[in-house]
PDB file of N, CA and C in Angstrom:
ATOM      1  N   UNK A   1      21.106  10.811-100.379  1.00  0.00           N
ATOM      2  CA  UNK A   1      20.792  11.767-101.342  1.00  0.00           C
ATOM      3  C   UNK A   1      20.454  13.020-100.596  1.00  0.00           C
ATOM      4  N   UNK A   2      19.744  12.885 -99.487  1.00  0.00           N
ATOM      5  CA  UNK A   2      19.458  14.016 -98.567  1.00  0.00           C
ATOM      6  C   UNK A   2      20.447  14.244 -97.559  1.00  0.00           C
ATOM      7  N   UNK A   3      20.656  15.494 -97.181  1.00  0.00           N
ATOM      8  CA  UNK A   3      21.497  15.905 -96.007  1.00  0.00           C
ATOM      9  C   UNK A   3      20.924  15.327 -94.724  1.00  0.00           C
ATOM     10  N   UNK A   4      21.697  15.186 -93.608  1.00  0.00           N
ATOM     11  CA  UNK A   4      21.075  14.843 -92.416  1.00  0.00           C
ATOM     12  C   UNK A   4      20.003  15.727 -92.043  1.00  0.00           C
ATOM     13  N   UNK A   5      20.207  17.105 -92.244  1.00  0.00           N
ATOM     14  CA  UNK A   5      19.181  18.031 -91.870  1.00  0.00           C
ATOM     15  C   UNK A   5      17.984  18.030 -92.536  1.00  0.00           C
ATOM     16  N   UNK A   6      18.188  17.766 -93.818  1.00  0.00           N
ATOM     17  CA  UNK A   6      16.934  17.358 -94.687  1.00  0.00           C
ATOM     18  C   UNK A   6      16.146  16.371 -94.443  1.00  0.00           C
ATOM     19  N   UNK A   7      16.982  15.041 -93.900  1.00  0.00           N
ATOM     20  CA  UNK A   7      16.212  13.953 -93.473  1.00  0.00           C
ATOM     21  C   UNK A   7      15.486  14.449 -92.185  1.00  0.00           C
ATOM     22  N   UNK A   8      15.999  15.257 -91.264  1.00  0.00           N
ATOM     23  CA  UNK A   8      15.473  15.615 -90.015  1.00  0.00           C
ATOM     24  C   UNK A   8      13.980  16.389 -90.430  1.00  0.00           C
ATOM     25  N   UNK A   9      14.178  17.304 -91.401  1.00  0.00           N
ATOM     26  CA  UNK A   9      13.014  18.031 -91.753  1.00  0.00           C
ATOM     27  C   UNK A   9      11.895  17.119 -92.314  1.00  0.00           C
ATOM     28  N   UNK A  10      12.261  16.154 -93.131  1.00  0.00           N
ATOM     29  CA  UNK A  10      11.435  15.307 -93.615  1.00  0.00           C
ATOM     30  C   UNK A  10      10.762  14.419 -92.587  1.00  0.00           C
ATOM     31  N   UNK A  11      11.387  13.905 -91.679  1.00  0.00           N
ATOM     32  CA  UNK A  11      10.715  13.178 -90.578  1.00  0.00           C
ATOM     33  C   UNK A  11       9.789  13.957 -89.752  1.00  0.00           C
ATOM     34  N   UNK A  12      10.057  15.298 -89.495  1.00  0.00           N
ATOM     35  CA  UNK A  12       9.203  16.041 -88.693  1.00  0.00           C
ATOM     36  C   UNK A  12       7.979  16.368 -89.603  1.00  0.00           C
ATOM     37  N   UNK A  13       8.094  16.681 -90.924  1.00  0.00           N
ATOM     38  CA  UNK A  13       6.947  16.869 -91.618  1.00  0.00           C
ATOM     39  C   UNK A  13       6.114  15.581 -91.822  1.00  0.00           C
ATOM     40  N   UNK A  14       6.726  14.479 -91.863  1.00  0.00           N
ATOM     41  CA  UNK A  14       6.000  13.135 -91.822  1.00  0.00           C
ATOM     42  C   UNK A  14       5.310  12.888 -90.531  1.00  0.00           C
ATOM     43  N   UNK A  15       5.831  13.407 -89.471  1.00  0.00           N
ATOM     44  CA  UNK A  15       5.122  13.339 -88.198  1.00  0.00           C
ATOM     45  C   UNK A  15       3.821  14.163 -88.235  1.00  0.00           C
ATOM     46  N   UNK A  16       3.535  15.054 -89.085  1.00  0.00           N
ATOM     47  CA  UNK A  16       2.603  16.051 -89.293  1.00  0.00           C
ATOM     48  C   UNK A  16       2.698  17.450 -88.760  1.00  0.00           C
ATOM     49  N   UNK A  17       3.992  17.788 -88.650  1.00  0.00           N
ATOM     50  CA  UNK A  17       4.314  19.091 -88.125  1.00  0.00           C
ATOM     51  C   UNK A  17       4.096  20.100 -89.217  1.00  0.00           C
ATOM     52  N   UNK A  18       3.646  21.195 -88.938  1.00  0.00           N
ATOM     53  CA  UNK A  18       3.590  22.363 -89.821  1.00  0.00           C
ATOM     54  C   UNK A  18       4.957  23.014 -89.854  1.00  0.00           C
ATOM     55  N   UNK A  19       5.151  23.904 -90.858  1.00  0.00           N
ATOM     56  CA  UNK A  19       6.564  24.569 -91.065  1.00  0.00           C
ATOM     57  C   UNK A  19       6.849  25.332 -89.834  1.00  0.00           C
ATOM     58  N   UNK A  20       5.820  25.960 -89.144  1.00  0.00           N
ATOM     59  CA  UNK A  20       6.150  26.737 -88.031  1.00  0.00           C
ATOM     60  C   UNK A  20       6.754  25.875 -86.842  1.00  0.00           C
ATOM     61  N   UNK A  21       6.153  24.707 -86.739  1.00  0.00           N
ATOM     62  CA  UNK A  21       6.411  23.694 -85.673  1.00  0.00           C
ATOM     63  C   UNK A  21       7.827  23.133 -86.024  1.00  0.00           C
ATOM     64  N   UNK A  22       8.133  22.875 -87.215  1.00  0.00           N
ATOM     65  CA  UNK A  22       9.449  22.321 -87.498  1.00  0.00           C
ATOM     66  C   UNK A  22      10.554  23.412 -87.236  1.00  0.00           C
ATOM     67  N   UNK A  23      10.155  24.676 -87.508  1.00  0.00           N
ATOM     68  CA  UNK A  23      11.179  25.729 -87.302  1.00  0.00           C
ATOM     69  C   UNK A  23      11.392  25.896 -85.837  1.00  0.00           C
ATOM     70  N   UNK A  24      10.531  25.867 -85.098  1.00  0.00           N
ATOM     71  CA  UNK A  24      10.633  25.920 -83.593  1.00  0.00           C
ATOM     72  C   UNK A  24      11.379  24.654 -83.096  1.00  0.00           C
ATOM     73  N   UNK A  25      11.163  23.585 -83.641  1.00  0.00           N
ATOM     74  CA  UNK A  25      11.823  22.272 -83.087  1.00  0.00           C
ATOM     75  C   UNK A  25      13.416  22.385 -83.597  1.00  0.00           C
ATOM     76  N   UNK A  26      13.555  22.926 -84.572  1.00  0.00           N
ATOM     77  CA  UNK A  26      14.987  22.926 -85.027  1.00  0.00           C
ATOM     78  C   UNK A  26      15.764  24.300 -84.652  1.00  0.00           C
ATOM     79  N   UNK A  27      14.971  25.192 -84.258  1.00  0.00           N
ATOM     80  CA  UNK A  27      15.564  26.510 -83.933  1.00  0.00           C
ATOM     81  C   UNK A  27      15.998  27.217 -85.070  1.00  0.00           C
ATOM     82  N   UNK A  28      15.306  27.258 -86.143  1.00  0.00           N
ATOM     83  CA  UNK A  28      15.373  27.951 -87.290  1.00  0.00           C
ATOM     84  C   UNK A  28      14.031  28.743 -87.689  1.00  0.00           C
ATOM     85  N   UNK A  29      14.225  29.727 -88.734  1.00  0.00           N
ATOM     86  CA  UNK A  29      13.138  30.355 -89.136  1.00  0.00           C
ATOM     87  C   UNK A  29      12.222  29.431 -90.150  1.00  0.00           C
ATOM     88  N   UNK A  30      10.919  29.917 -90.225  1.00  0.00           N
ATOM     89  CA  UNK A  30       9.955  29.325 -91.013  1.00  0.00           C
ATOM     90  C   UNK A  30      10.592  29.331 -92.528  1.00  0.00           C
ATOM     91  N   UNK A  31      11.228  30.446 -92.817  1.00  0.00           N
ATOM     92  CA  UNK A  31      11.824  30.666 -94.124  1.00  0.00           C
ATOM     93  C   UNK A  31      12.956  29.552 -94.469  1.00  0.00           C
ATOM     94  N   UNK A  32      13.753  29.301 -93.471  1.00  0.00           N
ATOM     95  CA  UNK A  32      14.656  28.286 -93.601  1.00  0.00           C
ATOM     96  C   UNK A  32      13.877  27.027 -93.857  1.00  0.00           C
ATOM     97  N   UNK A  33      12.953  26.654 -93.155  1.00  0.00           N
ATOM     98  CA  UNK A  33      12.230  25.329 -93.229  1.00  0.00           C
ATOM     99  C   UNK A  33      11.773  25.270 -94.631  1.00  0.00           C
ATOM    100  N   UNK A  34      11.150  26.411 -95.218  1.00  0.00           N
ATOM    101  CA  UNK A  34      10.666  26.423 -96.607  1.00  0.00           C
ATOM    102  C   UNK A  34      11.807  26.232 -97.549  1.00  0.00           C
ATOM    103  N   UNK A  35      12.954  26.812 -97.254  1.00  0.00           N
ATOM    104  CA  UNK A  35      14.089  26.336 -98.179  1.00  0.00           C
ATOM    105  C   UNK A  35      14.504  24.983 -98.195  1.00  0.00           C
ATOM    106  N   UNK A  36      14.562  24.434 -97.028  1.00  0.00           N
ATOM    107  CA  UNK A  36      14.841  23.044 -96.911  1.00  0.00           C
ATOM    108  C   UNK A  36      13.735  22.218 -97.785  1.00  0.00           C
ATOM    109  N   UNK A  37      12.455  22.469 -97.614  1.00  0.00           N
ATOM    110  CA  UNK A  37      11.540  21.720 -98.256  1.00  0.00           C
ATOM    111  C   UNK A  37      11.696  21.830 -99.904  1.00  0.00           C
ATOM    112  N   UNK A  38      11.937  23.039-100.163  1.00  0.00           N
ATOM    113  CA  UNK A  38      12.084  23.349-101.630  1.00  0.00           C
ATOM    114  C   UNK A  38      13.224  22.380-102.236  1.00  0.00           C
ATOM    115  N   UNK A  39      14.232  22.503-101.395  1.00  0.00           N
ATOM    116  CA  UNK A  39      15.467  21.508-101.862  1.00  0.00           C
ATOM    117  C   UNK A  39      15.155  20.012-101.754  1.00  0.00           C
ATOM    118  N   UNK A  40      14.242  19.661-100.863  1.00  0.00           N
ATOM    119  CA  UNK A  40      13.968  18.272-100.635  1.00  0.00           C
ATOM    120  C   UNK A  40      12.931  17.814-101.755  1.00  0.00           C
ATOM    121  N   UNK A  41      12.075  18.671-101.991  1.00  0.00           N
ATOM    122  CA  UNK A  41      11.060  18.546-103.154  1.00  0.00           C
ATOM    123  C   UNK A  41      11.869  18.331-104.493  1.00  0.00           C
ATOM    124  N   UNK A  42      12.877  19.106-104.638  1.00  0.00           N
ATOM    125  CA  UNK A  42      13.481  19.074-106.007  1.00  0.00           C
ATOM    126  C   UNK A  42      14.361  17.763-105.936  1.00  0.00           C
ATOM    127  N   UNK A  43      15.033  17.428-104.865  1.00  0.00           N
ATOM    128  CA  UNK A  43      15.880  16.171-104.882  1.00  0.00           C
ATOM    129  C   UNK A  43      15.021  14.971-105.033  1.00  0.00           C
ATOM    130  N   UNK A  44      13.882  14.844-104.454  1.00  0.00           N
ATOM    131  CA  UNK A  44      13.017  13.580-104.473  1.00  0.00           C
ATOM    132  C   UNK A  44      12.077  13.679-105.534  1.00  0.00           C
ATOM    133  N   UNK A  45      12.020  14.840-106.343  1.00  0.00           N
ATOM    134  CA  UNK A  45      11.024  14.769-107.368  1.00  0.00           C
ATOM    135  C   UNK A  45       9.692  14.787-107.005  1.00  0.00           C
ATOM    136  N   UNK A  46       9.406  15.324-105.876  1.00  0.00           N
ATOM    137  CA  UNK A  46       7.918  15.409-105.521  1.00  0.00           C
ATOM    138  C   UNK A  46       7.468  16.843-105.304  1.00  0.00           C
ATOM    139  N   UNK A  47       6.136  17.071-105.477  1.00  0.00           N
ATOM    140  CA  UNK A  47       5.479  18.326-105.521  1.00  0.00           C
ATOM    141  C   UNK A  47       4.585  18.802-104.454  1.00  0.00           C
ATOM    142  N   UNK A  48       4.480  17.927-103.291  1.00  0.00           N
ATOM    143  CA  UNK A  48       3.600  18.197-102.403  1.00  0.00           C
ATOM    144  C   UNK A  48       4.054  17.603-100.977  1.00  0.00           C
ATOM    145  N   UNK A  49       3.596  18.039 -99.890  1.00  0.00           N
ATOM    146  CA  UNK A  49       3.838  17.419 -98.697  1.00  0.00           C
ATOM    147  C   UNK A  49       3.339  15.997 -98.592  1.00  0.00           C
ATOM    148  N   UNK A  50       2.089  15.716 -99.209  1.00  0.00           N
ATOM    149  CA  UNK A  50       1.515  14.419 -99.026  1.00  0.00           C
ATOM    150  C   UNK A  50       2.557  13.440 -99.796  1.00  0.00           C
ATOM    151  N   UNK A  51       3.080  13.849-101.080  1.00  0.00           N
ATOM    152  CA  UNK A  51       4.031  13.063-101.732  1.00  0.00           C
ATOM    153  C   UNK A  51       5.408  12.750-100.853  1.00  0.00           C
ATOM    154  N   UNK A  52       5.823  13.828-100.300  1.00  0.00           N
ATOM    155  CA  UNK A  52       6.992  13.845 -99.434  1.00  0.00           C
ATOM    156  C   UNK A  52       6.789  12.727 -98.453  1.00  0.00           C
ATOM    157  N   UNK A  53       5.545  12.678 -97.707  1.00  0.00           N
ATOM    158  CA  UNK A  53       5.238  11.823 -96.526  1.00  0.00           C
ATOM    159  C   UNK A  53       5.300  10.300 -97.101  1.00  0.00           C
ATOM    160  N   UNK A  54       4.458  10.239 -98.266  1.00  0.00           N
ATOM    161  CA  UNK A  54       4.425   8.804 -98.889  1.00  0.00           C
ATOM    162  C   UNK A  54       5.998   8.374 -99.218  1.00  0.00           C
ATOM    163  N   UNK A  55       6.792   9.253 -99.681  1.00  0.00           N
ATOM    164  CA  UNK A  55       8.199   8.765 -99.943  1.00  0.00           C
ATOM    165  C   UNK A  55       8.871   8.383 -98.797  1.00  0.00           C
ATOM    166  N   UNK A  56       8.557   9.311 -97.706  1.00  0.00           N
ATOM    167  CA  UNK A  56       9.336   9.017 -96.307  1.00  0.00           C
ATOM    168  C   UNK A  56       8.820   7.707 -95.892  1.00  0.00           C
ATOM    169  N   UNK A  57       7.515   7.276 -96.075  1.00  0.00           N
ATOM    170  CA  UNK A  57       6.872   6.074 -95.502  1.00  0.00           C
ATOM    171  C   UNK A  57       7.553   4.912 -96.247  1.00  0.00           C
ATOM    172  N   UNK A  58       7.665   5.071 -97.639  1.00  0.00           N
ATOM    173  CA  UNK A  58       8.217   4.051 -98.377  1.00  0.00           C
ATOM    174  C   UNK A  58       9.741   3.719 -97.949  1.00  0.00           C
ATOM    175  N   UNK A  59      10.437   4.866 -97.749  1.00  0.00           N
ATOM    176  CA  UNK A  59      11.962   4.699 -97.329  1.00  0.00           C
ATOM    177  C   UNK A  59      11.880   3.934 -95.964  1.00  0.00           C
ATOM    178  N   UNK A  60      11.134   4.391 -95.057  1.00  0.00           N
ATOM    179  CA  UNK A  60      11.145   3.646 -93.724  1.00  0.00           C
ATOM    180  C   UNK A  60      10.807   2.163 -93.887  1.00  0.00           C
ATOM    181  N   UNK A  61       9.905   1.811 -94.601  1.00  0.00           N
ATOM    182  CA  UNK A  61       9.436   0.464 -94.998  1.00  0.00           C
ATOM    183  C   UNK A  61      10.608  -0.238 -95.625  1.00  0.00           C
ATOM    184  N   UNK A  62      11.374   0.238 -96.536  1.00  0.00           N
ATOM    185  CA  UNK A  62      12.323  -0.295 -97.208  1.00  0.00           C
ATOM    186  C   UNK A  62      13.478  -0.687 -96.164  1.00  0.00           C
ATOM    187  N   UNK A  63      13.793   0.375 -95.386  1.00  0.00           N
ATOM    188  CA  UNK A  63      14.857   0.213 -94.426  1.00  0.00           C
ATOM    189  C   UNK A  63      14.503  -0.842 -93.392  1.00  0.00           C
ATOM    190  N   UNK A  64      13.361  -1.027 -93.113  1.00  0.00           N
ATOM    191  CA  UNK A  64      12.818  -2.064 -92.114  1.00  0.00           C
ATOM    192  C   UNK A  64      13.022  -3.437 -92.675  1.00  0.00           C
ATOM    193  N   UNK A  65      12.660  -3.572 -94.036  1.00  0.00           N
ATOM    194  CA  UNK A  65      12.732  -4.953 -94.644  1.00  0.00           C
ATOM    195  C   UNK A  65      14.100  -5.317 -95.126  1.00  0.00           C
ATOM    196  N   UNK A  66      15.057  -4.293 -95.039  1.00  0.00           N
ATOM    197  CA  UNK A  66      16.367  -4.809 -95.607  1.00  0.00           C
ATOM    198  C   UNK A  66      17.151  -5.457 -94.573  1.00  0.00           C
TER     199      UNK A  66
END
């Protein structure tokens, strides 16, 4: 459902990085990170970073148990 780059942004956010840190790590602007997060939130039907992190944790748990 998510693009590889969106999964990368999600992983970095789940690691506790702020948008500025994500932008630096990926060599993009903070605005680009915000755009990625907007699309990620829309696709996953979440409305906060906390919900995104919980979703990422559930995905990781599902992948390990499969």
